[in-house]
PDB file of all heavy atoms in Angstrom:
ATOM      1  N   LEU A   1      25.486  26.491   0.244  1.00  0.00           N
ATOM      2  CA  LEU A   1      26.612  25.580   0.093  1.00  0.00           C
ATOM      3  C   LEU A   1      26.257  24.503  -0.933  1.00  0.00           C
ATOM      4  O   LEU A   1      25.094  24.059  -1.005  1.00  0.00           O
ATOM      5  CB  LEU A   1      26.963  24.935   1.427  1.00  0.00           C
ATOM      6  CG  LEU A   1      27.639  25.868   2.459  1.00  0.00           C
ATOM      7  CD1 LEU A   1      27.865  25.141   3.761  1.00  0.00           C
ATOM      8  CD2 LEU A   1      28.962  26.416   1.907  1.00  0.00           C
ATOM      9  N   PRO A   2      27.217  24.063  -1.726  1.00  0.00           N
ATOM     10  CA  PRO A   2      26.910  23.133  -2.825  1.00  0.00           C
ATOM     11  C   PRO A   2      26.616  21.725  -2.325  1.00  0.00           C
ATOM     12  O   PRO A   2      27.321  21.176  -1.480  1.00  0.00           O
ATOM     13  CB  PRO A   2      28.205  23.141  -3.646  1.00  0.00           C
ATOM     14  CG  PRO A   2      29.274  23.447  -2.684  1.00  0.00           C
ATOM     15  CD  PRO A   2      28.654  24.433  -1.706  1.00  0.00           C
ATOM     16  N   PHE A   3      25.532  21.171  -2.827  1.00  0.00           N
ATOM     17  CA  PHE A   3      25.214  19.766  -2.586  1.00  0.00           C
ATOM     18  C   PHE A   3      25.945  18.903  -3.609  1.00  0.00           C
ATOM     19  O   PHE A   3      26.707  18.014  -3.259  1.00  0.00           O
ATOM     20  CB  PHE A   3      23.698  19.542  -2.662  1.00  0.00           C
ATOM     21  CG  PHE A   3      23.304  18.092  -2.545  1.00  0.00           C
ATOM     22  CD1 PHE A   3      23.586  17.357  -1.414  1.00  0.00           C
ATOM     23  CD2 PHE A   3      22.629  17.457  -3.595  1.00  0.00           C
ATOM     24  CE1 PHE A   3      23.228  16.018  -1.298  1.00  0.00           C
ATOM     25  CE2 PHE A   3      22.256  16.141  -3.507  1.00  0.00           C
ATOM     26  CZ  PHE A   3      22.558  15.407  -2.354  1.00  0.00           C
ATOM     27  N   THR A   4      25.733  19.176  -4.898  1.00  0.00           N
ATOM     28  CA  THR A   4      26.428  18.415  -5.939  1.00  0.00           C
ATOM     29  C   THR A   4      26.376  19.213  -7.233  1.00  0.00           C
ATOM     30  O   THR A   4      25.645  20.170  -7.360  1.00  0.00           O
ATOM     31  CB  THR A   4      25.765  17.044  -6.151  1.00  0.00           C
ATOM     32  OG1 THR A   4      26.575  16.246  -7.002  1.00  0.00           O
ATOM     33  CG2 THR A   4      24.380  17.183  -6.782  1.00  0.00           C
ATOM     34  N   GLY A   5      27.192  18.786  -8.202  1.00  0.00           N
ATOM     35  CA  GLY A   5      27.184  19.397  -9.519  1.00  0.00           C
ATOM     36  C   GLY A   5      26.040  18.844 -10.346  1.00  0.00           C
ATOM     37  O   GLY A   5      24.923  18.683  -9.848  1.00  0.00           O
ATOM     38  N   ASN A   6      26.286  18.539 -11.612  1.00  0.00           N
ATOM     39  CA  ASN A   6      25.193  18.050 -12.443  1.00  0.00           C
ATOM     40  C   ASN A   6      24.812  16.615 -12.085  1.00  0.00           C
ATOM     41  O   ASN A   6      25.459  15.970 -11.242  1.00  0.00           O
ATOM     42  CB  ASN A   6      25.547  18.172 -13.916  1.00  0.00           C
ATOM     43  CG  ASN A   6      26.746  17.338 -14.326  1.00  0.00           C
ATOM     44  OD1 ASN A   6      26.923  16.219 -13.851  1.00  0.00           O
ATOM     45  ND2 ASN A   6      27.572  17.877 -15.203  1.00  0.00           N
ATOM     46  N   ILE A   7      23.770  16.118 -12.710  1.00  0.00           N
ATOM     47  CA  ILE A   7      23.243  14.806 -12.363  1.00  0.00           C
ATOM     48  C   ILE A   7      24.285  13.701 -12.548  1.00  0.00           C
ATOM     49  O   ILE A   7      24.328  12.722 -11.803  1.00  0.00           O
ATOM     50  CB  ILE A   7      21.955  14.511 -13.168  1.00  0.00           C
ATOM     51  CG1 ILE A   7      21.285  13.213 -12.696  1.00  0.00           C
ATOM     52  CG2 ILE A   7      22.237  14.473 -14.678  1.00  0.00           C
ATOM     53  CD1 ILE A   7      20.719  13.301 -11.314  1.00  0.00           C
ATOM     54  N   GLY A   8      25.169  13.861 -13.537  1.00  0.00           N
ATOM     55  CA  GLY A   8      26.210  12.880 -13.737  1.00  0.00           C
ATOM     56  C   GLY A   8      27.164  12.779 -12.559  1.00  0.00           C
ATOM     57  O   GLY A   8      27.586  11.691 -12.168  1.00  0.00           O
ATOM     58  N   ASP A   9      27.480  13.929 -11.959  1.00  0.00           N
ATOM     59  CA  ASP A   9      28.325  13.938 -10.757  1.00  0.00           C
ATOM     60  C   ASP A   9      27.642  13.203  -9.608  1.00  0.00           C
ATOM     61  O   ASP A   9      28.290  12.543  -8.802  1.00  0.00           O
ATOM     62  CB  ASP A   9      28.621  15.372 -10.309  1.00  0.00           C
ATOM     63  CG  ASP A   9      29.442  16.159 -11.312  1.00  0.00           C
ATOM     64  OD1 ASP A   9      30.216  15.534 -12.053  1.00  0.00           O
ATOM     65  OD2 ASP A   9      29.312  17.391 -11.344  1.00  0.00           O
ATOM     66  N   LEU A  10      26.317  13.331  -9.552  1.00  0.00           N
ATOM     67  CA  LEU A  10      25.600  12.779  -8.432  1.00  0.00           C
ATOM     68  C   LEU A  10      25.445  11.262  -8.510  1.00  0.00           C
ATOM     69  O   LEU A  10      25.520  10.568  -7.487  1.00  0.00           O
ATOM     70  CB  LEU A  10      24.204  13.423  -8.348  1.00  0.00           C
ATOM     71  CG  LEU A  10      23.342  13.060  -7.151  1.00  0.00           C
ATOM     72  CD1 LEU A  10      23.996  13.472  -5.850  1.00  0.00           C
ATOM     73  CD2 LEU A  10      21.967  13.714  -7.280  1.00  0.00           C
ATOM     74  N   VAL A  11      25.239  10.726  -9.702  1.00  0.00           N
ATOM     75  CA  VAL A  11      24.884   9.308  -9.803  1.00  0.00           C
ATOM     76  C   VAL A  11      25.967   8.429 -10.420  1.00  0.00           C
ATOM     77  O   VAL A  11      25.882   7.210 -10.329  1.00  0.00           O
ATOM     78  CB  VAL A  11      23.591   9.131 -10.650  1.00  0.00           C
ATOM     79  CG1 VAL A  11      22.460   9.946 -10.064  1.00  0.00           C
ATOM     80  CG2 VAL A  11      23.819   9.482 -12.103  1.00  0.00           C
ATOM     81  N   GLU A  12      26.990   9.005 -11.061  1.00  0.00           N
ATOM     82  CA  GLU A  12      27.986   8.185 -11.722  1.00  0.00           C
ATOM     83  C   GLU A  12      28.833   7.409 -10.696  1.00  0.00           C
ATOM     84  O   GLU A  12      29.476   8.014  -9.845  1.00  0.00           O
ATOM     85  CB  GLU A  12      28.906   9.068 -12.587  1.00  0.00           C
ATOM     86  CG  GLU A  12      30.027   8.322 -13.261  1.00  0.00           C
ATOM     87  CD  GLU A  12      29.540   7.240 -14.200  1.00  0.00           C
ATOM     88  OE1 GLU A  12      28.565   7.485 -14.928  1.00  0.00           O
ATOM     89  OE2 GLU A  12      30.141   6.151 -14.183  1.00  0.00           O
ATOM     90  N   PRO A  13      28.841   6.081 -10.754  1.00  0.00           N
ATOM     91  CA  PRO A  13      29.579   5.291  -9.766  1.00  0.00           C
ATOM     92  C   PRO A  13      31.057   5.622  -9.676  1.00  0.00           C
ATOM     93  O   PRO A  13      31.675   5.530  -8.614  1.00  0.00           O
ATOM     94  CB  PRO A  13      29.366   3.855 -10.235  1.00  0.00           C
ATOM     95  CG  PRO A  13      28.101   3.879 -11.006  1.00  0.00           C
ATOM     96  CD  PRO A  13      28.093   5.231 -11.680  1.00  0.00           C
ATOM     97  N   ALA A  14      31.654   6.011 -10.811  1.00  0.00           N
ATOM     98  CA  ALA A  14      33.082   6.285 -10.803  1.00  0.00           C
ATOM     99  C   ALA A  14      33.445   7.454  -9.878  1.00  0.00           C
ATOM    100  O   ALA A  14      34.575   7.554  -9.360  1.00  0.00           O
ATOM    101  CB  ALA A  14      33.575   6.600 -12.215  1.00  0.00           C
ATOM    102  N   THR A  15      32.489   8.346  -9.606  1.00  0.00           N
ATOM    103  CA  THR A  15      32.728   9.468  -8.716  1.00  0.00           C
ATOM    104  C   THR A  15      32.241   9.186  -7.295  1.00  0.00           C
ATOM    105  O   THR A  15      32.359  10.050  -6.427  1.00  0.00           O
ATOM    106  CB  THR A  15      32.016  10.733  -9.236  1.00  0.00           C
ATOM    107  OG1 THR A  15      30.604  10.513  -9.206  1.00  0.00           O
ATOM    108  CG2 THR A  15      32.459  11.074 -10.649  1.00  0.00           C
ATOM    109  N   ALA A  16      31.697   8.005  -7.082  1.00  0.00           N
ATOM    110  CA  ALA A  16      31.170   7.623  -5.769  1.00  0.00           C
ATOM    111  C   ALA A  16      30.131   8.633  -5.283  1.00  0.00           C
ATOM    112  O   ALA A  16      30.055   8.956  -4.106  1.00  0.00           O
ATOM    113  CB  ALA A  16      32.284   7.473  -4.759  1.00  0.00           C
ATOM    114  N   SER A  17      29.329   9.143  -6.177  1.00  0.00           N
ATOM    115  CA  SER A  17      28.313  10.157  -5.871  1.00  0.00           C
ATOM    116  C   SER A  17      28.978  11.398  -5.258  1.00  0.00           C
ATOM    117  O   SER A  17      29.203  11.472  -4.055  1.00  0.00           O
ATOM    118  CB  SER A  17      27.238   9.622  -4.935  1.00  0.00           C
ATOM    119  OG  SER A  17      26.517   8.564  -5.539  1.00  0.00           O
ATOM    120  N   ALA A  18      29.319  12.345  -6.106  1.00  0.00           N
ATOM    121  CA  ALA A  18      30.074  13.533  -5.675  1.00  0.00           C
ATOM    122  C   ALA A  18      29.186  14.494  -4.917  1.00  0.00           C
ATOM    123  O   ALA A  18      28.603  15.396  -5.505  1.00  0.00           O
ATOM    124  CB  ALA A  18      30.745  14.185  -6.866  1.00  0.00           C
ATOM    125  N   VAL A  19      29.057  14.316  -3.625  1.00  0.00           N
ATOM    126  CA  VAL A  19      28.289  15.222  -2.771  1.00  0.00           C
ATOM    127  C   VAL A  19      29.291  16.038  -1.971  1.00  0.00           C
ATOM    128  O   VAL A  19      30.076  15.490  -1.193  1.00  0.00           O
ATOM    129  CB  VAL A  19      27.358  14.421  -1.830  1.00  0.00           C
ATOM    130  CG1 VAL A  19      26.711  15.347  -0.815  1.00  0.00           C
ATOM    131  CG2 VAL A  19      26.310  13.678  -2.634  1.00  0.00           C
ATOM    132  N   PHE A  20      29.264  17.365  -2.151  1.00  0.00           N
ATOM    133  CA  PHE A  20      30.211  18.238  -1.463  1.00  0.00           C
ATOM    134  C   PHE A  20      29.846  18.422  -0.010  1.00  0.00           C
ATOM    135  O   PHE A  20      30.702  18.348   0.879  1.00  0.00           O
ATOM    136  CB  PHE A  20      30.289  19.590  -2.171  1.00  0.00           C
ATOM    137  CG  PHE A  20      30.773  19.525  -3.580  1.00  0.00           C
ATOM    138  CD1 PHE A  20      29.909  19.768  -4.647  1.00  0.00           C
ATOM    139  CD2 PHE A  20      32.075  19.194  -3.846  1.00  0.00           C
ATOM    140  CE1 PHE A  20      30.366  19.704  -5.961  1.00  0.00           C
ATOM    141  CE2 PHE A  20      32.546  19.140  -5.161  1.00  0.00           C
ATOM    142  CZ  PHE A  20      31.681  19.386  -6.214  1.00  0.00           C
ATOM    143  N   TYR A  21      28.578  18.717   0.255  1.00  0.00           N
ATOM    144  CA  TYR A  21      28.059  18.867   1.603  1.00  0.00           C
ATOM    145  C   TYR A  21      26.784  18.037   1.704  1.00  0.00           C
ATOM    146  O   TYR A  21      25.952  18.083   0.798  1.00  0.00           O
ATOM    147  CB  TYR A  21      27.735  20.326   1.908  1.00  0.00           C
ATOM    148  CG  TYR A  21      28.927  21.229   2.091  1.00  0.00           C
ATOM    149  CD1 TYR A  21      29.534  21.831   0.991  1.00  0.00           C
ATOM    150  CD2 TYR A  21      29.452  21.498   3.355  1.00  0.00           C
ATOM    151  CE1 TYR A  21      30.645  22.663   1.156  1.00  0.00           C
ATOM    152  CE2 TYR A  21      30.544  22.342   3.532  1.00  0.00           C
ATOM    153  CZ  TYR A  21      31.136  22.907   2.407  1.00  0.00           C
ATOM    154  OH  TYR A  21      32.239  23.733   2.569  1.00  0.00           O
ATOM    155  N   PRO A  22      26.581  17.315   2.813  1.00  0.00           N
ATOM    156  CA  PRO A  22      25.314  16.590   2.963  1.00  0.00           C
ATOM    157  C   PRO A  22      24.154  17.576   2.935  1.00  0.00           C
ATOM    158  O   PRO A  22      24.293  18.738   3.375  1.00  0.00           O
ATOM    159  CB  PRO A  22      25.450  15.919   4.349  1.00  0.00           C
ATOM    160  CG  PRO A  22      26.495  16.716   5.041  1.00  0.00           C
ATOM    161  CD  PRO A  22      27.441  17.197   3.992  1.00  0.00           C
ATOM    162  N   VAL A  23      23.008  17.136   2.445  1.00  0.00           N
ATOM    163  CA  VAL A  23      21.906  18.075   2.246  1.00  0.00           C
ATOM    164  C   VAL A  23      21.467  18.729   3.543  1.00  0.00           C
ATOM    165  O   VAL A  23      21.289  19.933   3.625  1.00  0.00           O
ATOM    166  CB  VAL A  23      20.724  17.390   1.530  1.00  0.00           C
ATOM    167  CG1 VAL A  23      20.165  16.241   2.337  1.00  0.00           C
ATOM    168  CG2 VAL A  23      19.652  18.396   1.190  1.00  0.00           C
ATOM    169  N   LEU A  24      21.254  17.991   4.564  1.00  0.00           N
ATOM    170  CA  LEU A  24      21.167  18.377   5.985  1.00  0.00           C
ATOM    171  C   LEU A  24      20.135  19.443   6.359  1.00  0.00           C
ATOM    172  O   LEU A  24      19.677  19.459   7.483  1.00  0.00           O
ATOM    173  CB  LEU A  24      22.554  18.857   6.461  1.00  0.00           C
ATOM    174  CG  LEU A  24      22.807  18.790   7.974  1.00  0.00           C
ATOM    175  CD1 LEU A  24      22.633  17.348   8.479  1.00  0.00           C
ATOM    176  CD2 LEU A  24      24.206  19.253   8.302  1.00  0.00           C
ATOM    177  N   LEU A  25      19.750  20.338   5.454  1.00  0.00           N
ATOM    178  CA  LEU A  25      18.878  21.449   5.819  1.00  0.00           C
ATOM    179  C   LEU A  25      17.472  21.285   5.269  1.00  0.00           C
ATOM    180  O   LEU A  25      17.273  20.746   4.164  1.00  0.00           O
ATOM    181  CB  LEU A  25      19.444  22.783   5.314  1.00  0.00           C
ATOM    182  CG  LEU A  25      20.865  23.136   5.765  1.00  0.00           C
ATOM    183  CD1 LEU A  25      21.258  24.478   5.186  1.00  0.00           C
ATOM    184  CD2 LEU A  25      20.978  23.136   7.275  1.00  0.00           C
ATOM    185  N   ASP A  26      16.486  21.762   6.050  1.00  0.00           N
ATOM    186  CA  ASP A  26      15.111  21.743   5.559  1.00  0.00           C
ATOM    187  C   ASP A  26      14.821  22.993   4.744  1.00  0.00           C
ATOM    188  O   ASP A  26      15.715  23.798   4.475  1.00  0.00           O
ATOM    189  CB  ASP A  26      14.124  21.566   6.717  1.00  0.00           C
ATOM    190  CG  ASP A  26      14.070  22.758   7.670  1.00  0.00           C
ATOM    191  OD1 ASP A  26      14.506  23.876   7.303  1.00  0.00           O
ATOM    192  OD2 ASP A  26      13.585  22.568   8.806  1.00  0.00           O
ATOM    193  N   GLU A  27      13.564  23.169   4.328  1.00  0.00           N
ATOM    194  CA  GLU A  27      13.199  24.263   3.443  1.00  0.00           C
ATOM    195  C   GLU A  27      13.382  25.649   4.069  1.00  0.00           C
ATOM    196  O   GLU A  27      13.488  26.642   3.371  1.00  0.00           O
ATOM    197  CB  GLU A  27      11.743  24.102   2.961  1.00  0.00           C
ATOM    198  CG  GLU A  27      10.687  24.206   4.031  1.00  0.00           C
ATOM    199  CD  GLU A  27      10.353  22.892   4.720  1.00  0.00           C
ATOM    200  OE1 GLU A  27      11.206  21.981   4.705  1.00  0.00           O
ATOM    201  OE2 GLU A  27       9.254  22.785   5.269  1.00  0.00           O
ATOM    202  N   PHE A  28      13.463  25.684   5.417  1.00  0.00           N
ATOM    203  CA  PHE A  28      13.651  26.951   6.114  1.00  0.00           C
ATOM    204  C   PHE A  28      15.121  27.218   6.428  1.00  0.00           C
ATOM    205  O   PHE A  28      15.454  28.260   6.991  1.00  0.00           O
ATOM    206  CB  PHE A  28      12.856  26.971   7.416  1.00  0.00           C
ATOM    207  CG  PHE A  28      11.375  26.805   7.205  1.00  0.00           C
ATOM    208  CD1 PHE A  28      10.749  25.594   7.530  1.00  0.00           C
ATOM    209  CD2 PHE A  28      10.609  27.839   6.700  1.00  0.00           C
ATOM    210  CE1 PHE A  28       9.390  25.452   7.343  1.00  0.00           C
ATOM    211  CE2 PHE A  28       9.251  27.686   6.504  1.00  0.00           C
ATOM    212  CZ  PHE A  28       8.625  26.479   6.825  1.00  0.00           C
ATOM    213  N   GLY A  29      15.998  26.274   6.077  1.00  0.00           N
ATOM    214  CA  GLY A  29      17.408  26.419   6.388  1.00  0.00           C
ATOM    215  C   GLY A  29      17.784  25.897   7.762  1.00  0.00           C
ATOM    216  O   GLY A  29      18.933  26.090   8.205  1.00  0.00           O
ATOM    217  N   ASN A  30      16.858  25.222   8.438  1.00  0.00           N
ATOM    218  CA  ASN A  30      17.156  24.652   9.734  1.00  0.00           C
ATOM    219  C   ASN A  30      17.787  23.266   9.578  1.00  0.00           C
ATOM    220  O   ASN A  30      17.490  22.536   8.632  1.00  0.00           O
ATOM    221  CB  ASN A  30      15.876  24.517  10.561  1.00  0.00           C
ATOM    222  CG  ASN A  30      15.221  25.863  10.819  1.00  0.00           C
ATOM    223  OD1 ASN A  30      15.907  26.837  11.088  1.00  0.00           O
ATOM    224  ND2 ASN A  30      13.895  25.910  10.746  1.00  0.00           N
ATOM    225  N   THR A  31      18.658  22.891  10.516  1.00  0.00           N
ATOM    226  CA  THR A  31      19.281  21.589  10.463  1.00  0.00           C
ATOM    227  C   THR A  31      18.232  20.501  10.597  1.00  0.00           C
ATOM    228  O   THR A  31      17.386  20.540  11.487  1.00  0.00           O
ATOM    229  CB  THR A  31      20.324  21.445  11.596  1.00  0.00           C
ATOM    230  OG1 THR A  31      21.320  22.455  11.439  1.00  0.00           O
ATOM    231  CG2 THR A  31      20.990  20.070  11.549  1.00  0.00           C
ATOM    232  N   ALA A  32      18.273  19.538   9.696  1.00  0.00           N
ATOM    233  CA  ALA A  32      17.295  18.471   9.691  1.00  0.00           C
ATOM    234  C   ALA A  32      18.020  17.136   9.514  1.00  0.00           C
ATOM    235  O   ALA A  32      18.197  16.637   8.397  1.00  0.00           O
ATOM    236  CB  ALA A  32      16.276  18.664   8.567  1.00  0.00           C
ATOM    237  N   VAL A  33      18.516  16.587  10.601  1.00  0.00           N
ATOM    238  CA  VAL A  33      19.153  15.262  10.566  1.00  0.00           C
ATOM    239  C   VAL A  33      18.017  14.248  10.499  1.00  0.00           C
ATOM    240  O   VAL A  33      17.383  13.952  11.522  1.00  0.00           O
ATOM    241  CB  VAL A  33      20.039  15.042  11.782  1.00  0.00           C
ATOM    242  CG1 VAL A  33      20.683  13.655  11.720  1.00  0.00           C
ATOM    243  CG2 VAL A  33      21.123  16.106  11.861  1.00  0.00           C
ATOM    244  N   ALA A  34      17.733  13.800   9.308  1.00  0.00           N
ATOM    245  CA  ALA A  34      16.544  12.990   9.096  1.00  0.00           C
ATOM    246  C   ALA A  34      16.780  11.907   8.042  1.00  0.00           C
ATOM    247  O   ALA A  34      17.702  11.992   7.240  1.00  0.00           O
ATOM    248  CB  ALA A  34      15.398  13.896   8.632  1.00  0.00           C
ATOM    249  N   HIS A  35      15.925  10.903   8.072  1.00  0.00           N
ATOM    250  CA  HIS A  35      15.855   9.920   7.007  1.00  0.00           C
ATOM    251  C   HIS A  35      14.602  10.192   6.204  1.00  0.00           C
ATOM    252  O   HIS A  35      13.589  10.617   6.738  1.00  0.00           O
ATOM    253  CB  HIS A  35      15.822   8.484   7.566  1.00  0.00           C
ATOM    254  CG  HIS A  35      17.137   8.062   8.145  1.00  0.00           C
ATOM    255  ND1 HIS A  35      17.459   8.220   9.453  1.00  0.00           N
ATOM    256  CD2 HIS A  35      18.214   7.462   7.548  1.00  0.00           C
ATOM    257  CE1 HIS A  35      18.680   7.746   9.678  1.00  0.00           C
ATOM    258  NE2 HIS A  35      19.168   7.291   8.537  1.00  0.00           N
TER     259      HIS A  35
END
């Protein structure tokens, strides 16, 4: 599932950081609600 498009989509304030889905998963694909 998409996290974000290019770096401009991610950091440009005008787009409020365009994140489609929260990253949420660890390297194994398990749910990782973490800071």
